[in-house]
Protein backbone atom coordinates (compact mmCIF):
# COMPACT_ATOMS: atom_id res chain seq x y z
CA MET A 1 0.00 0.00 0.00
CA GLN A 2 0.94 3.61 -0.32
CA SER A 3 2.62 5.79 2.24
CA LEU A 4 0.98 8.32 4.52
CA LYS A 5 2.39 11.39 6.13
CA GLY A 6 4.44 10.74 9.26
CA TYR A 7 6.49 7.74 8.18
CA ASP A 8 10.18 7.34 7.48
CA THR A 9 10.26 3.73 6.35
CA ALA A 10 9.22 2.07 3.13
CA SER A 11 5.49 2.18 2.65
CA ILE A 12 4.65 -1.47 3.05
CA ALA A 13 1.92 -2.16 5.57
CA LEU A 14 2.79 -5.25 7.60
CA PRO A 15 0.07 -7.41 9.22
CA ILE A 16 0.18 -7.47 13.02
CA SER A 17 0.77 -10.99 14.28
CA GLU A 18 0.39 -12.26 17.84
CA THR A 19 4.11 -11.72 18.42
CA HIS A 20 3.91 -8.05 17.42
CA LYS A 21 4.44 -5.55 20.26
CA ASN A 22 1.13 -3.84 19.40
CA TYR A 23 -0.95 -6.98 18.98
CA ILE A 24 -2.79 -6.54 22.31
CA LEU A 25 -3.54 -2.93 21.43
CA MET A 26 -4.92 -4.00 18.05
CA TYR A 27 -7.04 -6.74 19.64
CA ASP A 28 -8.47 -4.36 22.23
CA MET A 29 -9.21 -1.69 19.62
CA LEU A 30 -11.07 -4.06 17.31
CA THR A 31 -12.97 -5.78 20.13
CA GLY A 32 -14.12 -2.44 21.48
CA ILE A 33 -15.15 -1.22 18.03
CA ARG A 34 -17.08 -4.42 17.29
CA VAL A 35 -19.10 -4.24 20.50
CA SER A 36 -19.71 -0.48 20.50
CA ILE A 37 -20.75 -0.31 16.82
CA SER A 38 -23.01 -3.36 17.17
CA ARG A 39 -24.77 -1.83 20.15
CA ILE A 40 -25.36 1.63 18.70
CA GLU A 41 -26.51 0.29 15.33
CA ALA A 42 -29.02 -2.04 17.05
CA LYS A 43 -30.86 0.90 18.61
CA VAL A 44 -33.95 2.48 17.08
CA PRO A 45 -33.01 5.65 15.10
CA LYS A 46 -33.68 8.94 16.86
CA GLN A 47 -33.25 12.66 16.34
CA LEU A 48 -29.83 13.95 17.35
CA GLU A 49 -29.81 16.22 20.37
CA ASN A 50 -27.18 18.57 21.75
CA GLU A 51 -26.19 16.17 24.52
CA ASP A 52 -25.37 13.48 21.95
CA PHE A 53 -22.27 15.44 20.90
CA ALA A 54 -20.83 15.21 24.43
CA SER A 55 -22.09 11.73 25.32
CA THR A 56 -19.91 8.66 25.79
CA SER A 57 -20.43 4.92 26.16
CA SER A 58 -18.06 2.91 28.34
CA PHE A 59 -17.38 -0.83 28.32
CA ASN A 60 -15.38 -3.07 30.65
CA PHE A 61 -13.88 -6.19 29.10
CA ASP A 62 -12.49 -9.14 31.04
CA PHE A 63 -11.97 -12.87 30.77
CA GLY A 64 -15.40 -13.77 32.12
CA GLY A 65 -17.51 -11.38 30.11
CA SER A 66 -20.77 -9.78 31.24
CA GLU A 67 -24.27 -8.91 30.05
CA CYS A 68 -22.86 -5.94 28.15
CA THR A 69 -19.60 -7.36 26.85
CA PRO A 70 -18.37 -10.75 25.62
CA SER A 71 -15.40 -12.53 27.19
CA SER A 72 -12.06 -11.12 26.14
CA LYS A 73 -8.48 -12.35 25.95
CA HIS A 74 -7.39 -9.31 27.97
CA ASN A 75 -8.76 -7.04 30.65
CA PHE A 76 -9.28 -3.51 29.35
CA LYS A 77 -11.68 -0.58 29.30
CA PHE A 78 -13.10 0.99 26.16
CA LYS A 79 -14.83 4.33 25.59
CA ASP A 80 -16.86 5.35 22.54
CA TYR A 81 -17.25 9.12 22.13
CA ALA A 82 -20.47 10.56 20.66
CA PRO A 83 -21.67 7.18 19.30
CA TRP A 84 -24.96 8.55 17.95
CA VAL A 85 -23.21 11.36 16.09
CA PHE A 86 -20.71 9.06 14.40
CA ARG A 87 -23.48 6.57 13.55
CA TYR A 88 -25.17 9.27 11.48
CA MET A 89 -21.82 10.49 10.18
CA ARG A 90 -21.08 7.05 8.71
CA LYS A 91 -24.57 6.96 7.23
CA ALA A 92 -24.02 10.35 5.58
CA PHE A 93 -20.83 9.00 4.00
CA GLY A 94 -22.75 6.05 2.54
CA ILE A 95 -21.11 3.43 4.74
CA ASP A 96 -23.12 0.29 5.42
CA PRO A 97 -22.82 -0.72 9.13
CA ALA A 98 -22.46 -4.44 8.44
CA GLU A 99 -19.80 -3.95 5.76
CA TYR A 100 -18.00 -1.48 8.00
CA LEU A 101 -17.76 -4.04 10.79
CA VAL A 102 -16.59 -6.73 8.41
CA SER A 103 -13.87 -4.43 7.05
CA LEU A 104 -12.55 -3.61 10.50
CA THR A 105 -13.27 -6.68 12.62
CA GLY A 106 -14.18 -9.52 10.26
CA LYS A 107 -10.73 -11.10 10.36
CA TYR A 108 -9.20 -9.29 13.35
CA VAL A 109 -6.33 -8.25 11.12
CA LEU A 110 -4.76 -4.81 10.93
CA SER A 111 -1.66 -3.81 9.02
CA GLU A 112 0.71 -1.32 10.60
CA LEU A 113 2.25 1.25 8.32
CA GLY A 114 5.92 1.84 9.05
CA SER A 115 6.88 3.32 12.40
CA PRO A 116 5.73 6.44 14.21
CA GLY A 117 6.83 9.75 12.74
CA LYS A 118 7.41 13.04 14.53
CA SER A 119 3.88 13.07 15.92
CA GLY A 120 4.31 9.65 17.54
CA ALA A 121 1.06 8.46 15.96
CA PHE A 122 0.56 4.90 14.74
CA PHE A 123 -1.37 4.18 11.55
CA TYR A 124 -3.19 0.91 10.91
CA TYR A 125 -5.03 -0.24 7.79
CA SER A 126 -8.17 -2.35 7.99
CA ALA A 127 -7.90 -5.78 6.38
CA ASP A 128 -9.31 -4.47 3.07
CA TYR A 129 -7.41 -1.13 3.30
CA LYS A 130 -10.63 0.91 3.10
CA TYR A 131 -10.19 2.44 6.54
CA ILE A 132 -7.35 3.78 8.67
CA ILE A 133 -7.03 3.69 12.44
CA LYS A 134 -4.77 6.44 13.76
CA THR A 135 -3.70 6.98 17.35
CA ILE A 136 -3.98 10.63 18.41
CA HIS A 137 -2.81 12.80 21.28
CA HIS A 138 -5.10 13.64 24.17
CA ARG A 139 -5.22 17.28 23.04
CA GLU A 140 -6.34 16.22 19.55
CA HIS A 141 -9.17 14.15 20.99
CA LEU A 142 -10.23 17.15 23.09
CA LEU A 143 -10.26 19.37 20.01
CA LEU A 144 -12.32 16.93 17.95
CA ARG A 145 -14.88 16.69 20.74
CA LYS A 146 -14.93 20.48 21.07
CA VAL A 147 -15.62 21.11 17.38
CA LEU A 148 -17.66 17.96 16.69
CA LYS A 149 -21.00 19.74 16.36
CA GLU A 150 -19.61 22.22 13.83
CA TYR A 151 -17.71 19.46 12.00
CA TYR A 152 -20.83 17.27 11.81
CA GLY A 153 -22.93 20.11 10.42
CA TYR A 154 -20.31 21.04 7.86
CA MET A 155 -19.78 17.46 6.64
CA GLN A 156 -23.55 17.02 6.28
CA GLN A 157 -23.76 20.20 4.21
CA GLU A 158 -20.67 19.80 1.98
CA ASN A 159 -20.94 16.63 -0.09
CA ASP A 160 -17.74 17.42 -1.97
CA THR A 161 -15.62 18.35 1.03
CA LEU A 162 -11.99 17.24 0.98
CA LEU A 163 -11.65 17.24 4.76
CA THR A 164 -10.68 14.04 6.56
CA LYS A 165 -13.76 11.86 7.11
CA PHE A 166 -13.80 10.76 10.73
CA LEU A 167 -15.92 7.67 11.39
CA GLY A 168 -15.36 7.20 15.11
CA LEU A 169 -13.45 8.50 18.14
CA TYR A 170 -12.44 6.07 20.87
CA ARG A 171 -10.23 5.43 23.87
CA VAL A 172 -8.78 2.14 24.97
CA GLU A 173 -7.46 1.87 28.54
CA MET A 174 -5.09 -1.05 28.87
CA SER A 175 -3.89 0.01 32.32
CA ALA A 176 -4.10 3.03 34.59
CA LEU A 177 -0.94 4.36 32.91
CA ARG A 178 -1.78 3.51 29.31
CA LYS A 179 -4.80 5.27 27.83
CA ILE A 180 -4.76 5.56 24.05
CA HIS A 181 -7.11 7.72 22.01
CA PHE A 182 -7.67 6.88 18.36
CA VAL A 183 -9.86 7.71 15.39
CA VAL A 184 -11.15 5.70 12.45
CA MET A 185 -10.95 7.50 9.10
CA VAL A 186 -11.73 6.84 5.44
CA ASN A 187 -8.58 6.00 3.47
CA ILE A 188 -8.39 8.51 0.61
CA LEU A 189 -5.72 6.52 -1.22
CA PRO A 190 -6.82 3.84 -3.70
CA VAL A 191 -6.41 0.17 -2.92
CA HIS A 192 -6.56 -0.83 -6.58
CA LYS A 193 -3.96 1.50 -8.10
CA SER A 194 -0.30 2.08 -7.44
CA ILE A 195 0.76 5.50 -6.22
CA HIS A 196 3.91 6.78 -7.92
CA GLU A 197 4.35 10.13 -6.16
CA THR A 198 2.88 11.56 -2.96
CA TYR A 199 3.10 15.15 -1.77
CA ASP A 200 2.16 16.80 1.51
CA ILE A 201 1.48 20.47 0.74
CA LYS A 202 1.14 23.13 3.46
CA GLY A 203 1.97 26.27 1.49
CA SER A 204 5.08 26.75 3.63
CA THR A 205 8.66 26.55 2.36
CA SER A 206 10.46 26.55 5.70
CA GLY A 207 11.88 23.08 6.33
CA ARG A 208 9.59 21.60 3.71
CA PHE A 209 12.02 19.46 1.68
CA ILE A 210 12.87 15.77 1.52
CA ARG A 211 16.53 15.36 0.58
CA PRO A 212 17.60 13.12 -2.33
CA ALA A 213 19.45 10.76 -0.01
CA GLU A 214 16.22 10.11 1.90
CA ILE A 215 14.36 9.41 -1.35
CA VAL A 216 17.07 6.88 -2.24
CA ARG A 217 16.56 5.13 1.10
CA ASN A 218 12.79 5.27 0.77
CA PRO A 219 11.50 5.76 -2.79
CA ALA A 220 7.94 6.02 -1.43
CA SER A 221 8.75 9.06 0.72
CA VAL A 222 6.00 11.63 1.07
CA LEU A 223 7.47 14.72 -0.59
CA LYS A 224 6.86 18.30 0.50
CA ASP A 225 6.35 21.82 -0.80
CA ASN A 226 9.92 22.50 -1.91
CA ASN A 227 10.11 19.12 -3.66
CA TRP A 228 6.98 20.13 -5.57
CA ILE A 229 8.62 23.39 -6.63
CA LYS A 230 11.98 21.79 -7.49
CA ASN A 231 10.29 19.04 -9.51
CA ASN A 232 8.33 21.70 -11.42
CA ARG A 233 5.15 19.82 -10.55
CA SER A 234 1.59 20.79 -11.46
CA VAL A 235 -1.85 19.22 -11.28
CA TYR A 236 -3.24 19.33 -14.81
CA LEU A 237 -7.01 19.68 -14.82
CA SER A 238 -9.71 21.31 -16.92
CA GLU A 239 -10.51 24.93 -16.13
CA ARG A 240 -13.91 23.91 -14.77
CA THR A 241 -12.42 21.24 -12.49
CA VAL A 242 -9.76 23.65 -11.21
CA ARG A 243 -12.43 26.23 -10.45
CA LEU A 244 -14.53 23.67 -8.54
CA LEU A 245 -11.49 22.36 -6.68
CA VAL A 246 -10.29 25.83 -5.70
CA ASP A 247 -13.77 26.75 -4.48
CA GLN A 248 -14.01 23.61 -2.35
CA LEU A 249 -10.51 23.99 -0.92
CA ALA A 250 -11.32 27.59 -0.03
CA LYS A 251 -14.56 26.53 1.72
CA ASP A 252 -12.82 23.75 3.64
CA SER A 253 -9.84 25.84 4.72
CA LEU A 254 -12.04 28.78 5.75
CA PHE A 255 -14.11 26.38 7.84
CA LEU A 256 -10.95 25.19 9.61
CA CYS A 257 -9.90 28.80 10.07
CA SER A 258 -13.23 29.57 11.75
CA LEU A 259 -12.41 26.84 14.29
CA ASP A 260 -8.91 28.28 14.96
CA ILE A 261 -7.33 25.25 13.28
CA MET A 262 -4.07 25.41 11.30
CA ASP A 263 -1.07 23.27 10.27
CA TYR A 264 -3.19 21.07 7.98
CA SER A 265 -1.99 19.80 4.60
CA LEU A 266 -3.30 18.89 1.20
CA LEU A 267 -2.27 15.32 0.47
CA ILE A 268 -1.81 14.76 -3.27
CA ALA A 269 -1.22 11.16 -4.36
CA ILE A 270 -0.41 10.74 -8.06
CA HIS A 271 -0.95 7.65 -10.20
CA PHE A 272 0.68 7.50 -13.63
CA CYS A 273 -1.98 5.96 -15.85
CA ASP A 274 0.50 4.39 -18.29
CA LYS A 275 2.47 2.61 -15.56
CA ASP A 276 -0.10 0.16 -14.22
CA GLY A 277 1.64 -3.02 -13.10
CA GLU A 278 5.09 -1.81 -14.08
CA ILE A 279 8.25 -1.55 -12.06
CA GLN A 280 8.43 2.10 -11.07
CA GLU A 281 11.83 3.77 -11.45
CA PHE A 282 12.85 6.81 -9.44
CA THR A 283 15.84 8.79 -10.69
CA VAL A 284 17.51 10.92 -8.04
CA ILE A 285 20.03 13.54 -9.10
CA GLU A 286 22.64 14.45 -6.52
CA GLU A 287 25.46 16.94 -6.64
CA VAL A 288 28.87 15.46 -5.85
CA GLU A 289 31.73 17.53 -4.44
CA ASN A 290 35.34 17.06 -5.47
CA THR A 291 38.30 17.11 -3.11
CA ALA A 292 38.43 20.89 -3.30
CA GLY A 293 34.92 21.07 -2.00
CA ARG A 294 33.47 22.29 -5.29
CA LYS A 295 30.45 20.83 -6.96
CA ARG A 296 31.93 18.71 -9.69
CA SER A 297 29.28 16.59 -11.32
CA LEU A 298 25.82 15.14 -11.13
CA LEU A 299 25.34 11.59 -9.96
CA LYS A 300 22.20 9.81 -11.09
CA ARG A 301 20.80 6.98 -9.05
CA THR A 302 17.89 4.89 -10.16
CA VAL A 303 15.86 2.92 -7.68
CA ARG A 304 13.56 0.19 -8.92
CA GLU A 305 10.44 -0.25 -6.85
CA PRO A 306 7.83 -2.92 -7.57
CA THR A 307 4.25 -1.74 -7.77
CA ARG A 308 2.41 -2.74 -4.61
CA VAL A 309 -1.28 -3.05 -5.33
CA ASN A 310 -3.94 -4.96 -3.47
CA LYS A 311 -6.32 -5.96 -6.24
CA GLU A 312 -8.81 -7.88 -4.11
CA ASN A 313 -12.33 -6.56 -3.96
CA THR A 314 -11.49 -3.62 -6.21
CA ALA A 315 -15.08 -2.71 -6.96
CA ASP A 316 -16.12 -2.93 -3.32
CA ALA A 317 -13.14 -0.84 -2.23
CA CYS A 318 -14.24 2.05 -4.43
CA LYS A 319 -17.96 1.81 -3.73
CA GLU A 320 -17.98 4.21 -0.80
CA LYS A 321 -15.93 6.90 -2.55
CA THR A 322 -18.10 7.73 -5.52
CA HIS A 323 -20.44 10.39 -4.13
CA SER A 324 -18.02 13.32 -4.54
CA ILE A 325 -17.13 15.04 -7.80
CA PHE A 326 -13.49 14.79 -6.75
CA ASN A 327 -13.37 11.01 -6.58
CA SER A 328 -16.00 10.01 -9.15
CA GLU A 329 -13.42 8.97 -11.77
CA ASP A 330 -12.28 5.59 -10.49
CA GLY A 331 -11.80 7.04 -7.02
CA GLY A 332 -9.84 10.14 -8.04
CA ILE A 333 -9.58 13.00 -10.51
CA GLU A 334 -8.26 12.31 -14.00
CA SER A 335 -5.82 14.81 -15.49
CA GLU A 336 -5.90 16.52 -18.83
CA ILE A 337 -3.56 14.95 -21.42
CA TYR A 338 0.04 16.15 -21.25
CA ASN A 339 1.80 17.43 -24.35
CA ASP A 340 3.65 14.11 -24.49
CA GLY A 341 0.39 12.18 -24.25
CA HIS A 342 0.67 10.95 -20.66
CA LYS A 343 -2.21 11.09 -18.21
CA GLU A 344 -2.33 11.02 -14.44
CA MET A 345 -4.88 10.45 -11.70
CA TYR A 346 -4.93 12.52 -8.52
CA PHE A 347 -6.20 11.40 -5.13
CA VAL A 348 -6.49 14.40 -2.83
CA GLY A 349 -7.65 15.27 0.66
CA ILE A 350 -7.02 17.72 3.48
CA ILE A 351 -5.34 15.88 6.35
CA ASP A 352 -4.00 16.61 9.85
CA ILE A 353 -6.92 18.84 10.78
CA LEU A 354 -6.68 18.55 14.56
CA THR A 355 -4.10 21.23 15.41
CA LEU A 356 -5.40 24.22 17.34
CA TYR A 357 -3.62 27.56 17.23
CA GLY A 358 -3.28 27.58 21.00
CA LYS A 359 -0.53 28.52 23.44
CA ALA A 360 1.96 25.96 22.14
CA LYS A 361 1.65 27.06 18.51
CA ARG A 362 1.71 30.73 19.46
CA PHE A 363 4.94 30.15 21.38
CA GLU A 364 6.38 28.21 18.42
CA ASN A 365 5.46 31.14 16.17
CA PHE A 366 7.26 33.55 18.51
CA ILE A 367 10.45 31.46 18.67
CA LYS A 368 10.63 30.76 14.94
CA THR A 369 9.85 34.36 14.07
CA MET A 370 12.79 35.46 16.23
CA ARG A 371 15.12 32.97 14.56
CA LYS A 372 14.09 33.31 10.93
CA LYS A 373 14.17 36.38 8.73
CA ARG A 374 11.37 35.07 6.53
CA SER A 375 8.87 34.39 9.27
CA LYS A 376 5.99 34.35 6.80
CA ASN A 377 7.23 30.97 5.50
CA ILE A 378 7.08 29.09 8.80
CA SER A 379 4.25 26.67 9.52
CA ALA A 380 3.21 28.01 12.92
CA ILE A 381 1.24 31.14 12.02
CA SER A 382 -2.28 32.31 12.81
CA PRO A 383 -5.18 30.40 11.19
CA GLU A 384 -6.09 33.43 9.04
CA ARG A 385 -2.57 33.83 7.65
CA TYR A 386 -2.19 30.06 7.31
CA GLN A 387 -5.39 29.75 5.27
CA ALA A 388 -4.47 32.65 2.98
CA ARG A 389 -0.97 31.29 2.34
CA PHE A 390 -2.29 27.75 1.84
CA MET A 391 -4.72 28.88 -0.86
CA GLU A 392 -2.21 31.23 -2.52
CA PHE A 393 0.31 28.40 -2.88
CA LEU A 394 -2.29 26.00 -4.28
CA GLU A 395 -3.61 28.49 -6.82
CA SER A 396 -0.21 29.75 -7.95
CA ARG A 397 1.93 26.62 -7.84
CA VAL A 398 -0.22 23.49 -7.67
CA LEU A 399 -3.30 23.74 -9.87
CA LYS A 400 -2.80 24.25 -13.59
CA LYS A 401 -5.80 24.93 -15.80
CA GLY A 402 -6.17 22.93 -18.97
CA ALA A 403 -8.59 23.26 -21.86
CA GLU A 404 -12.32 22.88 -21.35
């Protein structure tokens, strides 16, 4: 499968076996999800009320089981946040409850993607790769609960939104000292197509570059803003599609701005349509210095990477992603034809939307502003400035209008 932001290792998701250090965590997560989803879906539908956005359901699991919970291999506690709200959220996204449970808990198999990045978050794919489980910080869980009512209303209203689609918010307590919050999200990357390039775009150029040596070590690295500029990259779309995409990105980013949220990214995953099933080659050009310390020549390295595509249940994997104009073409957006005849497909979404511009970010802004002359390029800026810079970068450097 393809890589996601936050990982340094090759983007191959490895199934979690019973000997894996996180196997118990995976088991507890899936057991809690199975019980909590089954219980909320069995209830008679009702009208959402204000208290539903702050409500929680708690479950205690042990070896013996109880009237509320089945017997479990481990003792643990599980909390489901706003279960009624997320039930209707999943319904709005066209997700069938039974199929959702089968995807996540049918085989009790998750695949872990790489190792934690700077955020310390773990990412897990469901068995069919349609959903992602991501561990989050306590402060992120607090923010999601705080803005849940606004988020729910916005997602109900905007069918074509590119914001992350949250399907559940949970906490598993394995001991008094180990409480882990996590979310379940829709995977925006395709399970039936290889991804040849992935970019994480913030609109910032400060520290936003993956070095060639890193790309050699990991050809599936998620590239950043300066890589996009250096590679002279563009998204080639019709004028109408660009206009629709810009309008939606503006709506989504302004909504995040209204919640005092910043530091989000536009994830752009690119599939080369003429390279299905091929061995993908990445050519990295590095400058080599001679003994005098002068740049002497260019060294080209080519890395051959086999396409990693899970082709099982292709039709089913795409079924839940066809209600938006931005994923109606086989799960993504098809490009206009290049001058050389090549076409691409783009899979896009706004990710990392749980960072509040609070005291920590304000302090980071102060420190980085003192250290850097070009403070406007740093990531930690106010939501208003962040949104404006984000959109300016996308419109000027990312989206290229083609013919109608």
